[in-house]
C-alpha atoms as a PDB file:
ATOM      1  CA  UNK A   1     -23.634 -14.401  25.126  1.00  0.00           C
ATOM      2  CA  UNK A   2     -23.783 -18.127  24.414  1.00  0.00           C
ATOM      3  CA  UNK A   3     -23.862 -18.719  20.585  1.00  0.00           C
ATOM      4  CA  UNK A   4     -21.324 -21.653  20.905  1.00  0.00           C
ATOM      5  CA  UNK A   5     -21.197 -25.036  21.797  1.00  0.00           C
ATOM      6  CA  UNK A   6     -18.121 -27.162  22.981  1.00  0.00           C
ATOM      7  CA  UNK A   7     -16.250 -29.459  20.431  1.00  0.00           C
ATOM      8  CA  UNK A   8     -15.342 -29.373  16.958  1.00  0.00           C
ATOM      9  CA  UNK A   9     -17.824 -29.501  14.062  1.00  0.00           C
ATOM     10  CA  UNK A  10     -17.366 -32.221  11.613  1.00  0.00           C
ATOM     11  CA  UNK A  11     -15.172 -31.592   8.648  1.00  0.00           C
ATOM     12  CA  UNK A  12     -18.044 -30.607   6.339  1.00  0.00           C
ATOM     13  CA  UNK A  13     -19.655 -28.127   8.565  1.00  0.00           C
ATOM     14  CA  UNK A  14     -19.055 -24.683   9.817  1.00  0.00           C
ATOM     15  CA  UNK A  15     -17.105 -24.298  13.003  1.00  0.00           C
ATOM     16  CA  UNK A  16     -18.848 -23.673  16.044  1.00  0.00           C
ATOM     17  CA  UNK A  17     -17.737 -20.205  16.729  1.00  0.00           C
ATOM     18  CA  UNK A  18     -19.246 -19.143  13.311  1.00  0.00           C
ATOM     19  CA  UNK A  19     -21.871 -15.999  13.640  1.00  0.00           C
ATOM     20  CA  UNK A  20     -23.673 -13.655  11.698  1.00  0.00           C
ATOM     21  CA  UNK A  21     -21.725 -10.060  10.997  1.00  0.00           C
ATOM     22  CA  UNK A  22     -23.273  -6.963   9.495  1.00  0.00           C
ATOM     23  CA  UNK A  23     -26.250  -7.003   7.440  1.00  0.00           C
ATOM     24  CA  UNK A  24     -27.020  -4.220   4.749  1.00  0.00           C
ATOM     25  CA  UNK A  25     -29.987  -2.990   3.254  1.00  0.00           C
ATOM     26  CA  UNK A  26     -30.721  -0.886   0.018  1.00  0.00           C
ATOM     27  CA  UNK A  27     -33.228   1.888   1.002  1.00  0.00           C
ATOM     28  CA  UNK A  28     -34.801   4.749  -0.810  1.00  0.00           C
ATOM     29  CA  UNK A  29     -34.882   7.629   2.172  1.00  0.00           C
ATOM     30  CA  UNK A  30     -31.455   6.942   3.788  1.00  0.00           C
ATOM     31  CA  UNK A  31     -32.542  10.022   6.283  1.00  0.00           C
ATOM     32  CA  UNK A  32     -35.586   8.185   7.104  1.00  0.00           C
ATOM     33  CA  UNK A  33     -34.585   4.917   7.548  1.00  0.00           C
ATOM     34  CA  UNK A  34     -31.120   5.769   9.633  1.00  0.00           C
ATOM     35  CA  UNK A  35     -33.452   7.958  12.056  1.00  0.00           C
ATOM     36  CA  UNK A  36     -35.716   4.537  12.526  1.00  0.00           C
ATOM     37  CA  UNK A  37     -32.747   2.269  13.359  1.00  0.00           C
ATOM     38  CA  UNK A  38     -31.193   4.893  15.726  1.00  0.00           C
ATOM     39  CA  UNK A  39     -34.570   5.998  17.417  1.00  0.00           C
ATOM     40  CA  UNK A  40     -36.691   2.737  17.170  1.00  0.00           C
ATOM     41  CA  UNK A  41     -34.006   0.014  17.475  1.00  0.00           C
ATOM     42  CA  UNK A  42     -31.562   1.934  19.527  1.00  0.00           C
ATOM     43  CA  UNK A  43     -28.360   1.784  17.383  1.00  0.00           C
ATOM     44  CA  UNK A  44     -25.619   4.206  16.923  1.00  0.00           C
ATOM     45  CA  UNK A  45     -24.771   6.231  13.897  1.00  0.00           C
ATOM     46  CA  UNK A  46     -21.140   5.202  13.396  1.00  0.00           C
ATOM     47  CA  UNK A  47     -20.437   6.414  10.054  1.00  0.00           C
ATOM     48  CA  UNK A  48     -22.845   8.880   8.424  1.00  0.00           C
ATOM     49  CA  UNK A  49     -22.985   9.368   4.853  1.00  0.00           C
ATOM     50  CA  UNK A  50     -24.992  10.961   1.824  1.00  0.00           C
ATOM     51  CA  UNK A  51     -25.222   7.528   0.092  1.00  0.00           C
ATOM     52  CA  UNK A  52     -24.125   4.947   2.879  1.00  0.00           C
ATOM     53  CA  UNK A  53     -24.638   4.922   6.758  1.00  0.00           C
ATOM     54  CA  UNK A  54     -23.345   2.589   9.240  1.00  0.00           C
ATOM     55  CA  UNK A  55     -24.970   1.915  12.405  1.00  0.00           C
ATOM     56  CA  UNK A  56     -23.938  -0.612  15.398  1.00  0.00           C
ATOM     57  CA  UNK A  57     -23.180  -0.706  19.258  1.00  0.00           C
ATOM     58  CA  UNK A  58     -20.065   0.219  21.006  1.00  0.00           C
ATOM     59  CA  UNK A  59     -18.340   0.986  17.853  1.00  0.00           C
ATOM     60  CA  UNK A  60     -18.827  -2.307  16.333  1.00  0.00           C
ATOM     61  CA  UNK A  61     -20.990  -2.005  12.933  1.00  0.00           C
ATOM     62  CA  UNK A  62     -23.928  -3.917  12.751  1.00  0.00           C
ATOM     63  CA  UNK A  63     -26.027  -2.468   9.826  1.00  0.00           C
ATOM     64  CA  UNK A  64     -25.329  -0.834   6.597  1.00  0.00           C
ATOM     65  CA  UNK A  65     -27.880   1.472   4.970  1.00  0.00           C
ATOM     66  CA  UNK A  66     -27.064   2.073   1.265  1.00  0.00           C
ATOM     67  CA  UNK A  67     -29.204   4.774  -0.586  1.00  0.00           C
ATOM     68  CA  UNK A  68     -30.568   3.385  -3.735  1.00  0.00           C
ATOM     69  CA  UNK A  69     -33.641   5.492  -4.914  1.00  0.00           C
ATOM     70  CA  UNK A  70     -33.426   4.185  -8.507  1.00  0.00           C
ATOM     71  CA  UNK A  71     -33.976   0.510  -7.607  1.00  0.00           C
ATOM     72  CA  UNK A  72     -37.650  -0.446  -7.846  1.00  0.00           C
ATOM     73  CA  UNK A  73     -39.608  -1.399  -4.679  1.00  0.00           C
ATOM     74  CA  UNK A  74     -39.614  -4.879  -3.626  1.00  0.00           C
ATOM     75  CA  UNK A  75     -42.277  -6.702  -5.810  1.00  0.00           C
ATOM     76  CA  UNK A  76     -44.856  -8.933  -4.401  1.00  0.00           C
ATOM     77  CA  UNK A  77     -43.469 -12.113  -5.689  1.00  0.00           C
ATOM     78  CA  UNK A  78     -39.947 -11.342  -5.016  1.00  0.00           C
ATOM     79  CA  UNK A  79     -37.790 -13.213  -2.842  1.00  0.00           C
ATOM     80  CA  UNK A  80     -35.597 -11.617   0.027  1.00  0.00           C
ATOM     81  CA  UNK A  81     -35.616 -10.781   3.722  1.00  0.00           C
ATOM     82  CA  UNK A  82     -38.033 -11.463   6.092  1.00  0.00           C
ATOM     83  CA  UNK A  83     -36.261 -10.072   8.760  1.00  0.00           C
ATOM     84  CA  UNK A  84     -32.764  -8.783  10.324  1.00  0.00           C
ATOM     85  CA  UNK A  85     -32.761 -10.268  14.092  1.00  0.00           C
ATOM     86  CA  UNK A  86     -31.034  -8.142  16.422  1.00  0.00           C
ATOM     87  CA  UNK A  87     -29.968 -10.001  19.946  1.00  0.00           C
ATOM     88  CA  UNK A  88     -29.872  -8.127  22.978  1.00  0.00           C
ATOM     89  CA  UNK A  89     -27.993  -9.389  26.033  1.00  0.00           C
ATOM     90  CA  UNK A  90     -30.750  -9.500  28.657  1.00  0.00           C
ATOM     91  CA  UNK A  91     -34.435  -9.358  29.548  1.00  0.00           C
ATOM     92  CA  UNK A  92     -33.810  -6.180  30.868  1.00  0.00           C
ATOM     93  CA  UNK A  93     -32.564  -4.820  27.597  1.00  0.00           C
ATOM     94  CA  UNK A  94     -35.557  -6.531  25.888  1.00  0.00           C
ATOM     95  CA  UNK A  95     -37.636  -4.572  28.119  1.00  0.00           C
ATOM     96  CA  UNK A  96     -35.973  -1.355  27.228  1.00  0.00           C
ATOM     97  CA  UNK A  97     -36.112  -1.995  23.603  1.00  0.00           C
ATOM     98  CA  UNK A  98     -40.126  -2.554  24.198  1.00  0.00           C
ATOM     99  CA  UNK A  99     -40.286   0.721  25.500  1.00  0.00           C
ATOM    100  CA  UNK A 100     -38.452   2.416  22.978  1.00  0.00           C
ATOM    101  CA  UNK A 101     -40.375   0.786  20.200  1.00  0.00           C
ATOM    102  CA  UNK A 102     -44.033   1.874  21.950  1.00  0.00           C
ATOM    103  CA  UNK A 103     -42.590   5.292  22.579  1.00  0.00           C
ATOM    104  CA  UNK A 104     -41.172   6.047  18.932  1.00  0.00           C
ATOM    105  CA  UNK A 105     -42.734   3.471  16.585  1.00  0.00           C
ATOM    106  CA  UNK A 106     -45.177   0.734  16.329  1.00  0.00           C
ATOM    107  CA  UNK A 107     -44.927  -2.911  17.502  1.00  0.00           C
ATOM    108  CA  UNK A 108     -46.251  -5.525  15.032  1.00  0.00           C
ATOM    109  CA  UNK A 109     -45.834  -8.676  16.974  1.00  0.00           C
ATOM    110  CA  UNK A 110     -44.218 -10.251  19.971  1.00  0.00           C
ATOM    111  CA  UNK A 111     -43.720 -13.934  20.750  1.00  0.00           C
ATOM    112  CA  UNK A 112     -42.195 -16.372  23.149  1.00  0.00           C
ATOM    113  CA  UNK A 113     -40.310 -19.011  21.163  1.00  0.00           C
ATOM    114  CA  UNK A 114     -39.269 -21.011  24.226  1.00  0.00           C
ATOM    115  CA  UNK A 115     -35.248 -20.256  23.534  1.00  0.00           C
ATOM    116  CA  UNK A 116     -36.238 -16.839  23.204  1.00  0.00           C
ATOM    117  CA  UNK A 117     -38.476 -13.824  23.568  1.00  0.00           C
ATOM    118  CA  UNK A 118     -38.992 -11.385  20.549  1.00  0.00           C
ATOM    119  CA  UNK A 119     -40.189  -8.258  19.368  1.00  0.00           C
ATOM    120  CA  UNK A 120     -41.394  -7.577  15.751  1.00  0.00           C
ATOM    121  CA  UNK A 121     -41.761  -4.414  13.809  1.00  0.00           C
ATOM    122  CA  UNK A 122     -41.157  -3.151  10.059  1.00  0.00           C
ATOM    123  CA  UNK A 123     -38.901  -0.138   9.293  1.00  0.00           C
ATOM    124  CA  UNK A 124     -40.127   2.730   7.228  1.00  0.00           C
ATOM    125  CA  UNK A 125     -39.484   0.726   4.014  1.00  0.00           C
ATOM    126  CA  UNK A 126     -41.180  -2.428   4.989  1.00  0.00           C
ATOM    127  CA  UNK A 127     -38.293  -4.284   6.098  1.00  0.00           C
ATOM    128  CA  UNK A 128     -38.733  -6.836   8.585  1.00  0.00           C
ATOM    129  CA  UNK A 129     -36.931  -6.322  12.154  1.00  0.00           C
ATOM    130  CA  UNK A 130     -36.587  -8.589  15.236  1.00  0.00           C
ATOM    131  CA  UNK A 131     -35.437  -7.622  18.554  1.00  0.00           C
ATOM    132  CA  UNK A 132     -34.925 -10.701  20.798  1.00  0.00           C
ATOM    133  CA  UNK A 133     -32.960 -12.272  23.472  1.00  0.00           C
ATOM    134  CA  UNK A 134     -31.897 -15.724  24.127  1.00  0.00           C
ATOM    135  CA  UNK A 135     -32.642 -17.739  27.464  1.00  0.00           C
ATOM    136  CA  UNK A 136     -29.875 -19.667  28.581  1.00  0.00           C
ATOM    137  CA  UNK A 137     -28.804 -22.243  26.660  1.00  0.00           C
ATOM    138  CA  UNK A 138     -29.305 -24.839  29.008  1.00  0.00           C
ATOM    139  CA  UNK A 139     -33.184 -23.918  29.139  1.00  0.00           C
ATOM    140  CA  UNK A 140     -33.364 -24.250  25.161  1.00  0.00           C
ATOM    141  CA  UNK A 141     -35.918 -27.537  24.869  1.00  0.00           C
ATOM    142  CA  UNK A 142     -34.659 -30.186  22.922  1.00  0.00           C
ATOM    143  CA  UNK A 143     -36.571 -32.545  20.185  1.00  0.00           C
ATOM    144  CA  UNK A 144     -36.282 -36.211  20.196  1.00  0.00           C
ATOM    145  CA  UNK A 145     -33.941 -35.820  17.136  1.00  0.00           C
ATOM    146  CA  UNK A 146     -31.548 -33.904  19.044  1.00  0.00           C
ATOM    147  CA  UNK A 147     -32.488 -30.473  17.301  1.00  0.00           C
ATOM    148  CA  UNK A 148     -33.745 -27.261  19.448  1.00  0.00           C
ATOM    149  CA  UNK A 149     -37.340 -27.237  19.513  1.00  0.00           C
ATOM    150  CA  UNK A 150     -39.129 -23.797  19.039  1.00  0.00           C
ATOM    151  CA  UNK A 151     -42.644 -22.631  19.059  1.00  0.00           C
ATOM    152  CA  UNK A 152     -44.569 -19.336  19.006  1.00  0.00           C
ATOM    153  CA  UNK A 153     -46.461 -18.412  21.824  1.00  0.00           C
ATOM    154  CA  UNK A 154     -47.909 -14.999  23.278  1.00  0.00           C
ATOM    155  CA  UNK A 155     -45.106 -13.078  24.787  1.00  0.00           C
ATOM    156  CA  UNK A 156     -45.241 -11.949  28.435  1.00  0.00           C
ATOM    157  CA  UNK A 157     -45.087  -8.414  27.388  1.00  0.00           C
ATOM    158  CA  UNK A 158     -45.903  -7.261  31.086  1.00  0.00           C
ATOM    159  CA  UNK A 159     -43.007  -9.077  32.439  1.00  0.00           C
ATOM    160  CA  UNK A 160     -40.690  -7.987  29.885  1.00  0.00           C
ATOM    161  CA  UNK A 161     -41.734  -4.640  30.470  1.00  0.00           C
ATOM    162  CA  UNK A 162     -41.086  -4.935  34.204  1.00  0.00           C
ATOM    163  CA  UNK A 163     -37.715  -6.324  33.506  1.00  0.00           C
ATOM    164  CA  UNK A 164     -36.315  -3.116  31.992  1.00  0.00           C
ATOM    165  CA  UNK A 165     -33.103  -1.753  33.755  1.00  0.00           C
ATOM    166  CA  UNK A 166     -33.232   0.928  36.152  1.00  0.00           C
ATOM    167  CA  UNK A 167     -32.401   3.335  33.330  1.00  0.00           C
ATOM    168  CA  UNK A 168     -35.848   2.713  32.247  1.00  0.00           C
ATOM    169  CA  UNK A 169     -37.728   3.781  35.512  1.00  0.00           C
ATOM    170  CA  UNK A 170     -39.966   6.444  36.013  1.00  0.00           C
ATOM    171  CA  UNK A 171     -40.993   6.510  32.269  1.00  0.00           C
ATOM    172  CA  UNK A 172     -37.582   7.189  30.786  1.00  0.00           C
ATOM    173  CA  UNK A 173     -36.915   5.729  27.546  1.00  0.00           C
ATOM    174  CA  UNK A 174     -33.241   4.311  26.931  1.00  0.00           C
ATOM    175  CA  UNK A 175     -32.189   5.634  23.843  1.00  0.00           C
ATOM    176  CA  UNK A 176     -29.428   3.085  22.993  1.00  0.00           C
ATOM    177  CA  UNK A 177     -29.099  -0.792  22.598  1.00  0.00           C
ATOM    178  CA  UNK A 178     -26.502  -1.935  25.099  1.00  0.00           C
ATOM    179  CA  UNK A 179     -22.931  -3.449  24.885  1.00  0.00           C
ATOM    180  CA  UNK A 180     -23.334  -7.059  23.694  1.00  0.00           C
ATOM    181  CA  UNK A 181     -25.934  -6.285  21.226  1.00  0.00           C
ATOM    182  CA  UNK A 182     -25.384  -8.097  17.699  1.00  0.00           C
ATOM    183  CA  UNK A 183     -27.030  -9.683  14.758  1.00  0.00           C
ATOM    184  CA  UNK A 184     -28.420 -12.914  15.804  1.00  0.00           C
ATOM    185  CA  UNK A 185     -29.722 -14.360  12.754  1.00  0.00           C
ATOM    186  CA  UNK A 186     -31.180 -13.313   9.369  1.00  0.00           C
ATOM    187  CA  UNK A 187     -34.436 -15.022   7.984  1.00  0.00           C
ATOM    188  CA  UNK A 188     -35.043 -15.006   4.339  1.00  0.00           C
ATOM    189  CA  UNK A 189     -38.045 -15.311   2.330  1.00  0.00           C
ATOM    190  CA  UNK A 190     -37.141 -17.810  -0.652  1.00  0.00           C
ATOM    191  CA  UNK A 191     -38.817 -19.781  -3.398  1.00  0.00           C
ATOM    192  CA  UNK A 192     -37.648 -23.063  -2.624  1.00  0.00           C
ATOM    193  CA  UNK A 193     -36.338 -24.538   0.464  1.00  0.00           C
ATOM    194  CA  UNK A 194     -34.312 -27.322  -1.478  1.00  0.00           C
ATOM    195  CA  UNK A 195     -32.202 -24.674  -3.354  1.00  0.00           C
ATOM    196  CA  UNK A 196     -31.641 -22.804  -0.058  1.00  0.00           C
ATOM    197  CA  UNK A 197     -30.470 -26.164   1.609  1.00  0.00           C
ATOM    198  CA  UNK A 198     -28.247 -26.633  -1.161  1.00  0.00           C
ATOM    199  CA  UNK A 199     -26.435 -23.338  -0.945  1.00  0.00           C
ATOM    200  CA  UNK A 200     -26.594 -22.833   2.986  1.00  0.00           C
ATOM    201  CA  UNK A 201     -26.171 -26.582   4.318  1.00  0.00           C
ATOM    202  CA  UNK A 202     -24.294 -28.239   1.518  1.00  0.00           C
ATOM    203  CA  UNK A 203     -22.512 -25.390   0.192  1.00  0.00           C
ATOM    204  CA  UNK A 204     -21.489 -22.981   3.389  1.00  0.00           C
ATOM    205  CA  UNK A 205     -21.741 -25.836   5.674  1.00  0.00           C
ATOM    206  CA  UNK A 206     -24.671 -24.726   8.424  1.00  0.00           C
ATOM    207  CA  UNK A 207     -26.509 -27.802  10.101  1.00  0.00           C
ATOM    208  CA  UNK A 208     -30.009 -28.016   9.471  1.00  0.00           C
ATOM    209  CA  UNK A 209     -32.299 -27.528  12.733  1.00  0.00           C
ATOM    210  CA  UNK A 210     -35.883 -27.117  13.167  1.00  0.00           C
ATOM    211  CA  UNK A 211     -37.898 -27.995   9.828  1.00  0.00           C
ATOM    212  CA  UNK A 212     -41.398 -27.805   8.602  1.00  0.00           C
ATOM    213  CA  UNK A 213     -43.098 -28.228   5.143  1.00  0.00           C
ATOM    214  CA  UNK A 214     -42.451 -24.484   4.746  1.00  0.00           C
ATOM    215  CA  UNK A 215     -39.841 -23.643   6.830  1.00  0.00           C
ATOM    216  CA  UNK A 216     -36.033 -24.371   7.789  1.00  0.00           C
ATOM    217  CA  UNK A 217     -33.678 -23.225  10.407  1.00  0.00           C
ATOM    218  CA  UNK A 218     -29.808 -23.750  10.100  1.00  0.00           C
ATOM    219  CA  UNK A 219     -26.876 -22.808  12.375  1.00  0.00           C
ATOM    220  CA  UNK A 220     -23.584 -23.696  13.586  1.00  0.00           C
ATOM    221  CA  UNK A 221     -22.371 -24.794  16.955  1.00  0.00           C
ATOM    222  CA  UNK A 222     -25.820 -25.786  18.208  1.00  0.00           C
ATOM    223  CA  UNK A 223     -27.437 -22.446  18.096  1.00  0.00           C
ATOM    224  CA  UNK A 224     -31.347 -22.508  17.331  1.00  0.00           C
ATOM    225  CA  UNK A 225     -30.871 -20.623  14.004  1.00  0.00           C
ATOM    226  CA  UNK A 226     -28.325 -18.188  12.295  1.00  0.00           C
ATOM    227  CA  UNK A 227     -30.307 -18.332   9.327  1.00  0.00           C
ATOM    228  CA  UNK A 228     -33.925 -18.925   8.886  1.00  0.00           C
ATOM    229  CA  UNK A 229     -35.793 -19.759   5.354  1.00  0.00           C
ATOM    230  CA  UNK A 230     -39.673 -19.628   4.699  1.00  0.00           C
ATOM    231  CA  UNK A 231     -41.870 -20.063   1.933  1.00  0.00           C
ATOM    232  CA  UNK A 232     -44.865 -18.636   3.539  1.00  0.00           C
ATOM    233  CA  UNK A 233     -45.959 -15.913   1.298  1.00  0.00           C
ATOM    234  CA  UNK A 234     -45.001 -18.014  -1.917  1.00  0.00           C
ATOM    235  CA  UNK A 235     -42.777 -16.169  -3.277  1.00  0.00           C
ATOM    236  CA  UNK A 236     -41.829 -16.993  -6.710  1.00  0.00           C
ATOM    237  CA  UNK A 237     -39.094 -14.468  -8.508  1.00  0.00           C
ATOM    238  CA  UNK A 238     -35.288 -13.997  -7.356  1.00  0.00           C
ATOM    239  CA  UNK A 239     -35.258 -10.614  -5.445  1.00  0.00           C
ATOM    240  CA  UNK A 240     -34.668  -7.390  -7.975  1.00  0.00           C
ATOM    241  CA  UNK A 241     -35.698  -4.773  -5.695  1.00  0.00           C
ATOM    242  CA  UNK A 242     -34.883  -2.740  -2.607  1.00  0.00           C
ATOM    243  CA  UNK A 243     -34.346  -4.502   0.624  1.00  0.00           C
ATOM    244  CA  UNK A 244     -31.591  -6.740   1.497  1.00  0.00           C
ATOM    245  CA  UNK A 245     -28.285  -5.924  -0.203  1.00  0.00           C
ATOM    246  CA  UNK A 246     -26.201  -8.399   1.784  1.00  0.00           C
ATOM    247  CA  UNK A 247     -25.206  -9.904   4.819  1.00  0.00           C
ATOM    248  CA  UNK A 248     -22.134 -11.675   6.552  1.00  0.00           C
ATOM    249  CA  UNK A 249     -21.291 -14.941   7.931  1.00  0.00           C
ATOM    250  CA  UNK A 250     -18.131 -14.610  10.114  1.00  0.00           C
ATOM    251  CA  UNK A 251     -15.869 -17.676  10.586  1.00  0.00           C
ATOM    252  CA  UNK A 252     -12.908 -17.843  12.645  1.00  0.00           C
ATOM    253  CA  UNK A 253      -9.978 -18.153  10.427  1.00  0.00           C
ATOM    254  CA  UNK A 254      -8.739 -18.498   6.952  1.00  0.00           C
ATOM    255  CA  UNK A 255      -8.813 -22.363   6.777  1.00  0.00           C
ATOM    256  CA  UNK A 256     -12.790 -22.338   7.501  1.00  0.00           C
ATOM    257  CA  UNK A 257     -13.186 -19.657   4.751  1.00  0.00           C
ATOM    258  CA  UNK A 258     -11.084 -22.155   2.456  1.00  0.00           C
ATOM    259  CA  UNK A 259     -13.159 -25.076   3.455  1.00  0.00           C
ATOM    260  CA  UNK A 260     -16.217 -23.155   2.720  1.00  0.00           C
ATOM    261  CA  UNK A 261     -14.725 -22.175  -0.890  1.00  0.00           C
ATOM    262  CA  UNK A 262     -14.162 -25.790  -1.260  1.00  0.00           C
ATOM    263  CA  UNK A 263     -17.608 -26.989  -0.617  1.00  0.00           C
ATOM    264  CA  UNK A 264     -19.084 -24.429  -2.632  1.00  0.00           C
ATOM    265  CA  UNK A 265     -17.032 -25.615  -5.432  1.00  0.00           C
ATOM    266  CA  UNK A 266     -18.232 -29.078  -5.428  1.00  0.00           C
ATOM    267  CA  UNK A 267     -21.968 -28.020  -5.155  1.00  0.00           C
ATOM    268  CA  UNK A 268     -21.491 -25.890  -8.120  1.00  0.00           C
ATOM    269  CA  UNK A 269     -20.195 -28.710 -10.273  1.00  0.00           C
ATOM    270  CA  UNK A 270     -23.200 -30.653  -9.343  1.00  0.00           C
ATOM    271  CA  UNK A 271     -25.169 -28.081 -11.453  1.00  0.00           C
ATOM    272  CA  UNK A 272     -28.399 -28.812  -9.589  1.00  0.00           C
ATOM    273  CA  UNK A 273     -28.647 -25.350  -8.150  1.00  0.00           C
ATOM    274  CA  UNK A 274     -27.528 -22.209  -9.888  1.00  0.00           C
ATOM    275  CA  UNK A 275     -25.706 -19.815  -7.887  1.00  0.00           C
ATOM    276  CA  UNK A 276     -22.517 -17.453  -7.976  1.00  0.00           C
ATOM    277  CA  UNK A 277     -19.384 -17.513  -6.143  1.00  0.00           C
ATOM    278  CA  UNK A 278     -16.879 -14.474  -6.016  1.00  0.00           C
ATOM    279  CA  UNK A 279     -13.696 -14.115  -4.310  1.00  0.00           C
ATOM    280  CA  UNK A 280     -13.157 -11.236  -2.215  1.00  0.00           C
ATOM    281  CA  UNK A 281     -10.045  -9.892  -0.234  1.00  0.00           C
ATOM    282  CA  UNK A 282     -11.503 -10.791   3.011  1.00  0.00           C
ATOM    283  CA  UNK A 283     -13.201 -14.227   1.974  1.00  0.00           C
ATOM    284  CA  UNK A 284     -15.883 -15.227  -0.323  1.00  0.00           C
ATOM    285  CA  UNK A 285     -19.257 -14.105  -1.467  1.00  0.00           C
ATOM    286  CA  UNK A 286     -22.211 -16.126  -2.602  1.00  0.00           C
ATOM    287  CA  UNK A 287     -25.324 -15.145  -4.538  1.00  0.00           C
ATOM    288  CA  UNK A 288     -27.681 -17.660  -4.013  1.00  0.00           C
ATOM    289  CA  UNK A 289     -30.379 -18.693  -6.507  1.00  0.00           C
ATOM    290  CA  UNK A 290     -33.178 -16.378  -4.992  1.00  0.00           C
ATOM    291  CA  UNK A 291     -30.408 -13.056  -5.435  1.00  0.00           C
ATOM    292  CA  UNK A 292     -29.445 -12.934  -1.914  1.00  0.00           C
ATOM    293  CA  UNK A 293     -25.649 -12.085  -1.199  1.00  0.00           C
ATOM    294  CA  UNK A 294     -24.164 -13.939   1.593  1.00  0.00           C
ATOM    295  CA  UNK A 295     -20.130 -12.885   2.432  1.00  0.00           C
ATOM    296  CA  UNK A 296     -18.159 -15.271   4.342  1.00  0.00           C
ATOM    297  CA  UNK A 297     -15.524 -13.573   6.109  1.00  0.00           C
ATOM    298  CA  UNK A 298     -12.851 -13.795   8.914  1.00  0.00           C
ATOM    299  CA  UNK A 299     -13.421 -11.680  11.937  1.00  0.00           C
END
């Protein structure tokens, strides 16, 4: 899967090999939510439990569900998750996902973003989910400023359905997402785009991609976006209820972790945006101004 650009990143940016790792959600009903991600999204249950379940593809963990029924529902003004985006390796795999969602759940939206084709749905607890496939990088349109250009057009759902692999023929639904599926990006609802940039661009070292008055996309290695942030719904308070627990940014080595730590310390010293930094055995964790935790680690 083409996620990285050739060449080295500037010293104040993340390496081009950077990617998103696991995402974790706090949920009230662990069994129901697990069934959704297994049956509709197509993830395999790798490590079941009464309080915590891990799902993924080919033994690789992608999603952690943490049972937390005592935590309140996410409030209408709370920042937090917009969606977790699971990236499949081909249009055929997206066609299989479309058939699976239509058969076992409900599709809330479907879009062509020029760089990708995407399906949208919500899990049983209202957490947004995207399932998408990237077009080849050489086909991505580029704006005059050199950033990847995206838009939102209607999806050719008929073409996507027709592209489904042989395993989806004759009305058969493919149960599992294929090898190569990963978490391509995480999209947040934030209270402030400038505060988002302070932590994720100035601190972590992502590069700013497509922007608008109410949206920011940031990435490493020339990808269209590893993280998105928007203010569409006017969220005004930090995350406090169920929903996103944490997500990972995976960097290629210890030197990259140290560089992130140094940048965060420098940004924190300015004091313009309050956020917390915690050392971890495998890297560093940052809780941003909206209460979202991102864990930076090595593979």
